Amino acid sequence: MNLDKFLGCIFGVAVGDALGMPFETMTAEQIHETVGIVDRYYSPSVNPRPFSSLKGLSLGSWTDDTQLTLATMEALIETNGRFDMDAIARKHVEAYLSPERRGWGRSTRNSCKRLSEGMSGRESGEPGGSGNGVMMKIAPLGLYTSAVPFDRIHFVEFAEMTHREPYAIVAGCVHAWMVETLARIT
């Protein structure tokens, strides 16, 4: 695995998250009407309906997308690169309980609440949870499988921990597979 690709992917998650942070819940048309092309960092004040947890953030701040990407990476590091759903769930709960929690969507928030109350990651997923949360945090699994092959059913397990809507699960799995594929290109 190429370390530059690995770091570029993770930095790309953080930069993309910070660029998109002010525009949570806005459509592409609304963003274009408000700022045109997003070519720099903006304050959440440009959004007429920002999440309350984002209102006080400054330019270039990250949200739960980066927080949960890092939590997933920490779980892989903690388990010496072994896929361990319980470790991933535990790191998600730590992030959920952190005072730094900001911009969490309903599905992820509700699922992590259930995890914090002792529910298994195999049962905690939000019924009908159809947001983009899985896609936003699954990149480390794609990077991991590019270097250490494991059963891709783990992508599904990971997705179902917070989202139970098939669209969210499939989108997250395809995203992880694309990250894996791109990381392998020399």
N, C-alpha and C. Protein backbone atom coordinates (compact mmCIF):
# COMPACT_ATOMS: atom_id res chain seq x y z
N MET A 1 0.84 -1.18 0.00
CA MET A 1 0.00 0.00 0.00
C MET A 1 0.88 1.24 0.00
N ASN A 2 0.52 2.18 -0.80
CA ASN A 2 1.25 3.43 -0.93
C ASN A 2 0.79 4.39 0.18
N LEU A 3 1.72 4.77 1.06
CA LEU A 3 1.38 5.64 2.19
C LEU A 3 0.82 6.99 1.72
N ASP A 4 1.34 7.52 0.61
CA ASP A 4 0.82 8.79 0.09
C ASP A 4 -0.66 8.68 -0.28
N LYS A 5 -1.04 7.55 -0.89
CA LYS A 5 -2.45 7.35 -1.24
C LYS A 5 -3.31 7.23 0.01
N PHE A 6 -2.80 6.51 0.99
CA PHE A 6 -3.54 6.34 2.24
C PHE A 6 -3.77 7.70 2.90
N LEU A 7 -2.69 8.44 3.09
CA LEU A 7 -2.81 9.76 3.73
C LEU A 7 -3.64 10.72 2.88
N GLY A 8 -3.46 10.66 1.56
CA GLY A 8 -4.25 11.53 0.68
C GLY A 8 -5.73 11.26 0.81
N CYS A 9 -6.10 10.00 0.93
CA CYS A 9 -7.51 9.65 1.08
C CYS A 9 -8.06 10.21 2.39
N ILE A 10 -7.34 10.02 3.48
CA ILE A 10 -7.82 10.48 4.79
C ILE A 10 -7.84 12.01 4.84
N PHE A 11 -6.81 12.65 4.32
CA PHE A 11 -6.83 14.12 4.26
C PHE A 11 -7.95 14.60 3.35
N GLY A 12 -8.20 13.87 2.27
CA GLY A 12 -9.31 14.21 1.37
C GLY A 12 -10.65 14.16 2.08
N VAL A 13 -10.84 13.16 2.94
CA VAL A 13 -12.07 13.08 3.73
C VAL A 13 -12.20 14.35 4.59
N ALA A 14 -11.12 14.70 5.29
CA ALA A 14 -11.17 15.85 6.20
C ALA A 14 -11.38 17.17 5.45
N VAL A 15 -10.69 17.35 4.33
CA VAL A 15 -10.83 18.58 3.55
C VAL A 15 -12.23 18.67 2.94
N GLY A 16 -12.71 17.56 2.37
CA GLY A 16 -14.05 17.55 1.80
C GLY A 16 -15.11 17.82 2.86
N ASP A 17 -14.91 17.25 4.03
CA ASP A 17 -15.82 17.47 5.15
C ASP A 17 -15.84 18.95 5.54
N ALA A 18 -14.67 19.54 5.67
CA ALA A 18 -14.59 20.96 6.06
C ALA A 18 -15.18 21.87 4.98
N LEU A 19 -14.97 21.53 3.71
CA LEU A 19 -15.57 22.33 2.63
C LEU A 19 -17.09 22.22 2.63
N GLY A 20 -17.60 21.02 2.93
CA GLY A 20 -19.04 20.80 2.88
C GLY A 20 -19.78 21.14 4.16
N MET A 21 -19.07 21.26 5.27
CA MET A 21 -19.68 21.49 6.57
C MET A 21 -20.74 22.59 6.59
N PRO A 22 -20.48 23.76 6.02
CA PRO A 22 -21.48 24.83 6.11
C PRO A 22 -22.76 24.55 5.32
N PHE A 23 -22.69 23.60 4.42
CA PHE A 23 -23.79 23.39 3.48
C PHE A 23 -24.65 22.17 3.80
N GLU A 24 -24.46 21.58 5.00
CA GLU A 24 -25.27 20.41 5.40
C GLU A 24 -26.74 20.74 5.22
N THR A 25 -27.47 19.85 4.62
CA THR A 25 -28.92 19.90 4.35
C THR A 25 -29.29 20.77 3.14
N MET A 26 -28.34 21.47 2.55
CA MET A 26 -28.65 22.31 1.39
C MET A 26 -28.55 21.49 0.11
N THR A 27 -29.38 21.81 -0.87
CA THR A 27 -29.30 21.16 -2.18
C THR A 27 -28.18 21.81 -3.00
N ALA A 28 -27.79 21.16 -4.07
CA ALA A 28 -26.77 21.72 -4.96
C ALA A 28 -27.22 23.07 -5.50
N GLU A 29 -28.51 23.18 -5.82
CA GLU A 29 -29.05 24.45 -6.34
C GLU A 29 -28.97 25.55 -5.28
N GLN A 30 -29.30 25.21 -4.04
CA GLN A 30 -29.24 26.21 -2.96
C GLN A 30 -27.81 26.66 -2.72
N ILE A 31 -26.89 25.72 -2.77
CA ILE A 31 -25.47 26.08 -2.57
C ILE A 31 -25.02 27.01 -3.69
N HIS A 32 -25.36 26.66 -4.93
CA HIS A 32 -24.96 27.49 -6.06
C HIS A 32 -25.57 28.89 -5.97
N GLU A 33 -26.83 28.98 -5.57
CA GLU A 33 -27.48 30.28 -5.41
C GLU A 33 -26.84 31.11 -4.29
N THR A 34 -26.34 30.43 -3.27
CA THR A 34 -25.78 31.12 -2.10
C THR A 34 -24.34 31.57 -2.32
N VAL A 35 -23.48 30.67 -2.83
CA VAL A 35 -22.05 31.00 -2.94
C VAL A 35 -21.46 30.74 -4.31
N GLY A 36 -22.23 30.20 -5.22
CA GLY A 36 -21.67 29.81 -6.52
C GLY A 36 -20.95 28.50 -6.37
N ILE A 37 -19.70 28.47 -6.79
CA ILE A 37 -18.88 27.25 -6.69
C ILE A 37 -18.17 27.26 -5.34
N VAL A 38 -18.16 26.13 -4.67
CA VAL A 38 -17.46 26.03 -3.38
C VAL A 38 -15.97 25.83 -3.68
N ASP A 39 -15.23 26.92 -3.59
CA ASP A 39 -13.80 26.87 -3.89
C ASP A 39 -12.94 27.37 -2.72
N ARG A 40 -13.59 27.50 -1.56
CA ARG A 40 -12.89 27.91 -0.34
C ARG A 40 -13.76 27.51 0.84
N TYR A 41 -13.22 27.67 2.03
CA TYR A 41 -13.99 27.37 3.24
C TYR A 41 -14.97 28.50 3.53
N TYR A 42 -16.13 28.12 4.04
CA TYR A 42 -17.16 29.08 4.43
C TYR A 42 -17.57 28.81 5.87
N SER A 43 -18.15 29.83 6.46
CA SER A 43 -18.73 29.72 7.80
C SER A 43 -20.13 29.11 7.68
N PRO A 44 -20.60 28.40 8.71
CA PRO A 44 -21.96 27.86 8.68
C PRO A 44 -23.03 28.96 8.58
N SER A 45 -22.64 30.19 8.79
CA SER A 45 -23.62 31.29 8.71
C SER A 45 -24.18 31.47 7.30
N VAL A 46 -23.53 30.89 6.27
CA VAL A 46 -24.07 31.00 4.92
C VAL A 46 -25.30 30.11 4.73
N ASN A 47 -25.50 29.17 5.64
CA ASN A 47 -26.61 28.22 5.55
C ASN A 47 -27.82 28.80 6.31
N PRO A 48 -28.96 28.92 5.65
CA PRO A 48 -30.13 29.46 6.35
C PRO A 48 -30.68 28.52 7.43
N ARG A 49 -30.33 27.22 7.37
CA ARG A 49 -30.82 26.26 8.36
C ARG A 49 -29.69 25.33 8.82
N PRO A 50 -28.61 25.86 9.40
CA PRO A 50 -27.52 24.97 9.81
C PRO A 50 -27.93 24.14 11.03
N PHE A 51 -27.34 22.95 11.13
CA PHE A 51 -27.52 22.16 12.35
C PHE A 51 -27.07 23.02 13.53
N SER A 52 -27.76 22.94 14.64
CA SER A 52 -27.38 23.76 15.79
C SER A 52 -25.96 23.44 16.25
N SER A 53 -25.53 22.19 16.10
CA SER A 53 -24.19 21.80 16.53
C SER A 53 -23.10 22.34 15.60
N LEU A 54 -23.48 22.94 14.49
CA LEU A 54 -22.49 23.50 13.55
C LEU A 54 -22.40 25.01 13.63
N LYS A 55 -23.39 25.66 14.23
CA LYS A 55 -23.50 27.12 14.19
C LYS A 55 -22.24 27.86 14.65
N GLY A 56 -21.58 27.39 15.68
CA GLY A 56 -20.42 28.11 16.21
C GLY A 56 -19.10 27.72 15.60
N LEU A 57 -19.10 26.86 14.60
CA LEU A 57 -17.84 26.39 14.03
C LEU A 57 -17.21 27.44 13.13
N SER A 58 -15.90 27.41 13.06
CA SER A 58 -15.18 28.36 12.22
C SER A 58 -14.89 27.75 10.85
N LEU A 59 -14.37 28.58 9.97
CA LEU A 59 -13.99 28.13 8.62
C LEU A 59 -13.06 26.92 8.73
N GLY A 60 -13.29 25.94 7.89
CA GLY A 60 -12.40 24.79 7.83
C GLY A 60 -12.59 23.77 8.94
N SER A 61 -13.66 23.87 9.71
CA SER A 61 -13.91 22.89 10.77
C SER A 61 -14.49 21.61 10.19
N TRP A 62 -14.18 20.50 10.83
CA TRP A 62 -14.70 19.21 10.39
C TRP A 62 -15.92 18.84 11.21
N THR A 63 -16.60 17.75 10.79
CA THR A 63 -17.81 17.30 11.47
C THR A 63 -17.66 15.83 11.85
N ASP A 64 -18.78 15.20 12.09
CA ASP A 64 -18.81 13.77 12.42
C ASP A 64 -18.21 12.92 11.32
N ASP A 65 -18.22 13.39 10.09
CA ASP A 65 -17.68 12.59 8.99
C ASP A 65 -16.20 12.28 9.23
N THR A 66 -15.43 13.29 9.57
CA THR A 66 -14.02 13.08 9.88
C THR A 66 -13.86 12.39 11.22
N GLN A 67 -14.67 12.79 12.20
CA GLN A 67 -14.59 12.19 13.53
C GLN A 67 -14.79 10.67 13.46
N LEU A 68 -15.77 10.22 12.67
CA LEU A 68 -16.05 8.78 12.61
C LEU A 68 -15.10 8.04 11.66
N THR A 69 -14.54 8.73 10.69
CA THR A 69 -13.47 8.14 9.87
C THR A 69 -12.28 7.84 10.78
N LEU A 70 -11.94 8.80 11.63
CA LEU A 70 -10.82 8.59 12.56
C LEU A 70 -11.14 7.50 13.58
N ALA A 71 -12.38 7.45 14.05
CA ALA A 71 -12.78 6.41 14.99
C ALA A 71 -12.63 5.02 14.36
N THR A 72 -13.00 4.91 13.10
CA THR A 72 -12.86 3.63 12.38
C THR A 72 -11.38 3.26 12.25
N MET A 73 -10.56 4.24 11.90
CA MET A 73 -9.11 4.00 11.80
C MET A 73 -8.54 3.58 13.15
N GLU A 74 -8.95 4.25 14.21
CA GLU A 74 -8.45 3.92 15.55
C GLU A 74 -8.80 2.48 15.91
N ALA A 75 -10.00 2.03 15.55
CA ALA A 75 -10.39 0.65 15.84
C ALA A 75 -9.51 -0.34 15.09
N LEU A 76 -9.20 -0.04 13.83
CA LEU A 76 -8.33 -0.93 13.05
C LEU A 76 -6.92 -0.96 13.64
N ILE A 77 -6.44 0.19 14.10
CA ILE A 77 -5.11 0.25 14.72
C ILE A 77 -5.11 -0.51 16.04
N GLU A 78 -6.15 -0.29 16.84
CA GLU A 78 -6.25 -0.93 18.16
C GLU A 78 -6.27 -2.46 18.06
N THR A 79 -6.83 -2.98 16.98
CA THR A 79 -6.94 -4.44 16.81
C THR A 79 -5.85 -4.99 15.90
N ASN A 80 -4.78 -4.22 15.72
CA ASN A 80 -3.65 -4.63 14.87
C ASN A 80 -4.11 -5.00 13.47
N GLY A 81 -5.00 -4.20 12.91
CA GLY A 81 -5.44 -4.39 11.54
C GLY A 81 -6.44 -5.49 11.34
N ARG A 82 -7.05 -5.97 12.40
CA ARG A 82 -8.07 -7.01 12.28
C ARG A 82 -9.44 -6.35 12.31
N PHE A 83 -10.33 -6.78 11.43
CA PHE A 83 -11.68 -6.24 11.45
C PHE A 83 -12.38 -6.77 12.69
N ASP A 84 -12.79 -5.86 13.56
CA ASP A 84 -13.46 -6.23 14.81
C ASP A 84 -14.62 -5.26 14.99
N MET A 85 -15.83 -5.76 14.71
CA MET A 85 -17.02 -4.92 14.76
C MET A 85 -17.23 -4.33 16.14
N ASP A 86 -16.91 -5.10 17.19
CA ASP A 86 -17.09 -4.58 18.55
C ASP A 86 -16.15 -3.40 18.82
N ALA A 87 -14.91 -3.49 18.33
CA ALA A 87 -13.96 -2.38 18.51
C ALA A 87 -14.43 -1.15 17.73
N ILE A 88 -14.94 -1.36 16.53
CA ILE A 88 -15.45 -0.23 15.74
C ILE A 88 -16.65 0.40 16.44
N ALA A 89 -17.55 -0.43 16.94
CA ALA A 89 -18.71 0.09 17.67
C ALA A 89 -18.27 0.87 18.91
N ARG A 90 -17.30 0.34 19.64
CA ARG A 90 -16.79 1.01 20.84
C ARG A 90 -16.21 2.39 20.50
N LYS A 91 -15.47 2.47 19.40
CA LYS A 91 -14.89 3.76 19.00
C LYS A 91 -15.99 4.74 18.55
N HIS A 92 -17.03 4.23 17.94
CA HIS A 92 -18.17 5.08 17.58
C HIS A 92 -18.85 5.63 18.83
N VAL A 93 -18.99 4.79 19.85
CA VAL A 93 -19.60 5.25 21.10
C VAL A 93 -18.73 6.31 21.75
N GLU A 94 -17.41 6.11 21.77
CA GLU A 94 -16.51 7.13 22.32
C GLU A 94 -16.70 8.47 21.60
N ALA A 95 -16.81 8.42 20.29
CA ALA A 95 -17.04 9.65 19.52
C ALA A 95 -18.40 10.25 19.85
N TYR A 96 -19.41 9.40 19.98
CA TYR A 96 -20.76 9.85 20.31
C TYR A 96 -20.79 10.55 21.67
N LEU A 97 -20.04 10.04 22.63
CA LEU A 97 -20.04 10.60 23.97
C LEU A 97 -19.10 11.80 24.11
N SER A 98 -18.33 12.06 23.08
CA SER A 98 -17.36 13.17 23.10
C SER A 98 -18.07 14.52 23.05
N PRO A 99 -17.54 15.50 23.77
CA PRO A 99 -18.12 16.85 23.68
C PRO A 99 -17.86 17.49 22.31
N GLU A 100 -17.00 16.89 21.51
CA GLU A 100 -16.69 17.41 20.17
C GLU A 100 -17.69 16.97 19.11
N ARG A 101 -18.76 16.31 19.51
CA ARG A 101 -19.75 15.80 18.55
C ARG A 101 -20.44 16.96 17.85
N ARG A 102 -20.40 16.94 16.52
CA ARG A 102 -21.03 18.03 15.77
C ARG A 102 -21.47 17.55 14.40
N GLY A 103 -22.69 17.91 14.05
CA GLY A 103 -23.22 17.61 12.74
C GLY A 103 -23.70 16.18 12.55
N TRP A 104 -23.93 15.46 13.62
CA TRP A 104 -24.34 14.07 13.50
C TRP A 104 -25.74 13.97 12.93
N GLY A 105 -25.92 13.10 11.94
CA GLY A 105 -27.23 12.85 11.37
C GLY A 105 -28.05 11.96 12.29
N ARG A 106 -29.33 11.94 12.06
CA ARG A 106 -30.28 11.19 12.89
C ARG A 106 -29.92 9.71 12.99
N SER A 107 -29.66 9.06 11.86
CA SER A 107 -29.41 7.62 11.87
C SER A 107 -28.18 7.27 12.70
N THR A 108 -27.09 7.98 12.49
CA THR A 108 -25.86 7.69 13.22
C THR A 108 -26.02 8.03 14.69
N ARG A 109 -26.63 9.16 14.98
CA ARG A 109 -26.85 9.57 16.38
C ARG A 109 -27.70 8.54 17.13
N ASN A 110 -28.83 8.15 16.55
CA ASN A 110 -29.72 7.18 17.21
C ASN A 110 -29.05 5.81 17.36
N SER A 111 -28.32 5.40 16.34
CA SER A 111 -27.64 4.10 16.39
C SER A 111 -26.56 4.10 17.46
N CYS A 112 -25.78 5.17 17.53
CA CYS A 112 -24.71 5.24 18.54
C CYS A 112 -25.29 5.36 19.95
N LYS A 113 -26.44 5.98 20.09
CA LYS A 113 -27.12 6.00 21.39
C LYS A 113 -27.46 4.57 21.80
N ARG A 114 -28.00 3.79 20.86
CA ARG A 114 -28.33 2.40 21.17
C ARG A 114 -27.06 1.61 21.50
N LEU A 115 -25.98 1.85 20.76
CA LEU A 115 -24.71 1.19 21.07
C LEU A 115 -24.24 1.55 22.48
N SER A 116 -24.37 2.83 22.85
CA SER A 116 -23.92 3.28 24.17
C SER A 116 -24.76 2.66 25.29
N GLU A 117 -25.96 2.23 24.96
CA GLU A 117 -26.84 1.59 25.95
C GLU A 117 -26.63 0.07 25.98
N GLY A 118 -25.67 -0.43 25.20
CA GLY A 118 -25.31 -1.83 25.25
C GLY A 118 -25.81 -2.70 24.10
N MET A 119 -26.50 -2.10 23.15
CA MET A 119 -26.98 -2.90 22.02
C MET A 119 -25.80 -3.28 21.13
N SER A 120 -25.88 -4.44 20.53
CA SER A 120 -24.85 -4.93 19.63
C SER A 120 -24.82 -4.11 18.34
N GLY A 121 -23.64 -3.99 17.74
CA GLY A 121 -23.50 -3.31 16.46
C GLY A 121 -24.23 -4.03 15.34
N ARG A 122 -24.55 -5.28 15.56
CA ARG A 122 -25.30 -6.05 14.57
C ARG A 122 -26.79 -5.77 14.63
N GLU A 123 -27.23 -5.06 15.69
CA GLU A 123 -28.65 -4.75 15.87
C GLU A 123 -28.95 -3.26 15.94
N SER A 124 -27.94 -2.43 16.07
CA SER A 124 -28.13 -1.02 16.40
C SER A 124 -28.54 -0.13 15.24
N GLY A 125 -28.42 -0.59 14.01
CA GLY A 125 -28.69 0.25 12.85
C GLY A 125 -30.08 0.86 12.85
N GLU A 126 -30.16 2.07 12.37
CA GLU A 126 -31.42 2.82 12.33
C GLU A 126 -32.33 2.24 11.24
N PRO A 127 -33.49 1.72 11.62
CA PRO A 127 -34.44 1.25 10.59
C PRO A 127 -34.81 2.41 9.66
N GLY A 128 -34.69 2.20 8.38
CA GLY A 128 -34.99 3.26 7.42
C GLY A 128 -33.89 4.31 7.32
N GLY A 129 -32.78 4.12 8.06
CA GLY A 129 -31.68 5.09 8.02
C GLY A 129 -31.09 5.17 6.63
N SER A 130 -31.31 6.29 5.97
CA SER A 130 -30.92 6.37 4.56
C SER A 130 -29.99 7.53 4.25
N GLY A 131 -29.36 8.10 5.26
CA GLY A 131 -28.44 9.21 5.01
C GLY A 131 -27.15 8.75 4.36
N ASN A 132 -26.21 9.68 4.25
CA ASN A 132 -24.93 9.37 3.62
C ASN A 132 -23.84 9.07 4.64
N GLY A 133 -24.22 8.84 5.89
CA GLY A 133 -23.25 8.61 6.95
C GLY A 133 -22.29 7.47 6.70
N VAL A 134 -22.77 6.39 6.11
CA VAL A 134 -21.90 5.24 5.85
C VAL A 134 -20.80 5.65 4.87
N MET A 135 -21.18 6.31 3.79
CA MET A 135 -20.19 6.72 2.80
C MET A 135 -19.15 7.66 3.40
N MET A 136 -19.56 8.46 4.35
CA MET A 136 -18.67 9.48 4.91
C MET A 136 -17.60 8.91 5.83
N LYS A 137 -17.79 7.68 6.32
CA LYS A 137 -16.84 7.15 7.31
C LYS A 137 -16.22 5.81 6.95
N ILE A 138 -16.53 5.26 5.79
CA ILE A 138 -16.10 3.89 5.45
C ILE A 138 -14.75 3.83 4.72
N ALA A 139 -14.18 4.96 4.34
CA ALA A 139 -12.92 4.95 3.59
C ALA A 139 -11.82 4.12 4.24
N PRO A 140 -11.64 4.16 5.57
CA PRO A 140 -10.57 3.33 6.15
C PRO A 140 -10.72 1.84 5.87
N LEU A 141 -11.95 1.35 5.76
CA LEU A 141 -12.13 -0.07 5.44
C LEU A 141 -11.70 -0.37 4.01
N GLY A 142 -12.00 0.55 3.10
CA GLY A 142 -11.54 0.38 1.72
C GLY A 142 -10.03 0.41 1.63
N LEU A 143 -9.41 1.34 2.35
CA LEU A 143 -7.95 1.41 2.37
C LEU A 143 -7.37 0.13 2.95
N TYR A 144 -7.95 -0.32 4.03
CA TYR A 144 -7.48 -1.53 4.70
C TYR A 144 -7.54 -2.73 3.77
N THR A 145 -8.66 -2.92 3.08
CA THR A 145 -8.79 -4.09 2.21
C THR A 145 -7.91 -4.00 0.97
N SER A 146 -7.42 -2.82 0.65
CA SER A 146 -6.48 -2.72 -0.48
C SER A 146 -5.14 -3.32 -0.11
N ALA A 147 -4.83 -3.36 1.18
CA ALA A 147 -3.55 -3.89 1.63
C ALA A 147 -3.66 -5.28 2.25
N VAL A 148 -4.75 -5.53 2.96
CA VAL A 148 -4.95 -6.79 3.67
C VAL A 148 -6.34 -7.30 3.30
N PRO A 149 -6.42 -8.19 2.32
CA PRO A 149 -7.75 -8.65 1.89
C PRO A 149 -8.53 -9.31 3.03
N PHE A 150 -9.78 -8.93 3.13
CA PHE A 150 -10.70 -9.62 4.03
C PHE A 150 -12.06 -9.65 3.36
N ASP A 151 -12.94 -10.40 3.92
CA ASP A 151 -14.26 -10.60 3.35
C ASP A 151 -15.02 -9.27 3.29
N ARG A 152 -15.44 -8.89 2.10
CA ARG A 152 -16.14 -7.61 1.92
C ARG A 152 -17.52 -7.58 2.57
N ILE A 153 -17.98 -8.71 3.09
CA ILE A 153 -19.24 -8.70 3.84
C ILE A 153 -19.10 -7.79 5.06
N HIS A 154 -17.85 -7.55 5.48
CA HIS A 154 -17.62 -6.63 6.59
C HIS A 154 -18.05 -5.20 6.24
N PHE A 155 -17.99 -4.85 4.96
CA PHE A 155 -18.50 -3.53 4.55
C PHE A 155 -19.98 -3.43 4.92
N VAL A 156 -20.72 -4.49 4.66
CA VAL A 156 -22.16 -4.52 4.96
C VAL A 156 -22.38 -4.45 6.47
N GLU A 157 -21.64 -5.25 7.23
CA GLU A 157 -21.76 -5.22 8.70
C GLU A 157 -21.52 -3.82 9.23
N PHE A 158 -20.48 -3.18 8.71
CA PHE A 158 -20.13 -1.83 9.13
C PHE A 158 -21.29 -0.87 8.83
N ALA A 159 -21.82 -0.95 7.63
CA ALA A 159 -22.91 -0.07 7.22
C ALA A 159 -24.15 -0.27 8.08
N GLU A 160 -24.48 -1.53 8.33
CA GLU A 160 -25.70 -1.85 9.09
C GLU A 160 -25.61 -1.45 10.55
N MET A 161 -24.42 -1.17 11.05
CA MET A 161 -24.29 -0.73 12.44
C MET A 161 -25.05 0.57 12.67
N THR A 162 -25.12 1.43 11.64
CA THR A 162 -25.81 2.71 11.82
C THR A 162 -26.98 2.93 10.86
N HIS A 163 -26.99 2.26 9.73
CA HIS A 163 -28.01 2.50 8.71
C HIS A 163 -28.60 1.17 8.23
N ARG A 164 -29.92 1.09 8.15
CA ARG A 164 -30.57 -0.16 7.70
C ARG A 164 -31.27 -0.01 6.35
N GLU A 165 -31.19 1.14 5.75
CA GLU A 165 -31.81 1.35 4.44
C GLU A 165 -30.87 0.79 3.37
N PRO A 166 -31.37 -0.08 2.48
CA PRO A 166 -30.50 -0.69 1.46
C PRO A 166 -29.71 0.33 0.63
N TYR A 167 -30.30 1.48 0.31
CA TYR A 167 -29.58 2.48 -0.50
C TYR A 167 -28.33 2.96 0.23
N ALA A 168 -28.44 3.21 1.51
CA ALA A 168 -27.29 3.68 2.29
C ALA A 168 -26.23 2.59 2.39
N ILE A 169 -26.66 1.36 2.56
CA ILE A 169 -25.73 0.24 2.68
C ILE A 169 -24.98 0.03 1.36
N VAL A 170 -25.72 -0.02 0.27
CA VAL A 170 -25.09 -0.24 -1.04
C VAL A 170 -24.15 0.92 -1.39
N ALA A 171 -24.59 2.15 -1.17
CA ALA A 171 -23.73 3.30 -1.48
C ALA A 171 -22.45 3.25 -0.67
N GLY A 172 -22.55 2.91 0.61
CA GLY A 172 -21.35 2.82 1.44
C GLY A 172 -20.42 1.71 0.97
N CYS A 173 -20.99 0.55 0.64
CA CYS A 173 -20.17 -0.58 0.19
C CYS A 173 -19.48 -0.28 -1.14
N VAL A 174 -20.19 0.34 -2.06
CA VAL A 174 -19.59 0.72 -3.35
C VAL A 174 -18.47 1.73 -3.12
N HIS A 175 -18.69 2.67 -2.24
CA HIS A 175 -17.67 3.67 -1.93
C HIS A 175 -16.40 2.98 -1.38
N ALA A 176 -16.57 2.06 -0.43
CA ALA A 176 -15.42 1.36 0.13
C ALA A 176 -14.69 0.56 -0.95
N TRP A 177 -15.46 -0.10 -1.81
CA TRP A 177 -14.85 -0.88 -2.88
C TRP A 177 -14.08 0.04 -3.84
N MET A 178 -14.61 1.21 -4.14
CA MET A 178 -13.91 2.16 -5.02
C MET A 178 -12.62 2.67 -4.36
N VAL A 179 -12.68 2.97 -3.07
CA VAL A 179 -11.46 3.40 -2.36
C VAL A 179 -10.42 2.27 -2.42
N GLU A 180 -10.86 1.04 -2.17
CA GLU A 180 -9.97 -0.12 -2.26
C GLU A 180 -9.34 -0.22 -3.66
N THR A 181 -10.16 -0.12 -4.67
CA THR A 181 -9.68 -0.25 -6.05
C THR A 181 -8.70 0.85 -6.41
N LEU A 182 -9.03 2.08 -6.07
CA LEU A 182 -8.15 3.20 -6.40
C LEU A 182 -6.84 3.14 -5.62
N ALA A 183 -6.88 2.67 -4.38
CA ALA A 183 -5.66 2.56 -3.58
C ALA A 183 -4.70 1.51 -4.16
N ARG A 184 -5.23 0.53 -4.89
CA ARG A 184 -4.39 -0.52 -5.46
C ARG A 184 -3.71 -0.11 -6.76
N ILE A 185 -4.21 0.93 -7.41
CA ILE A 185 -3.63 1.36 -8.69
C ILE A 185 -2.25 1.93 -8.44
N THR A 186 -1.28 1.46 -9.19
CA THR A 186 0.10 1.93 -8.99
C THR A 186 0.44 3.07 -9.90
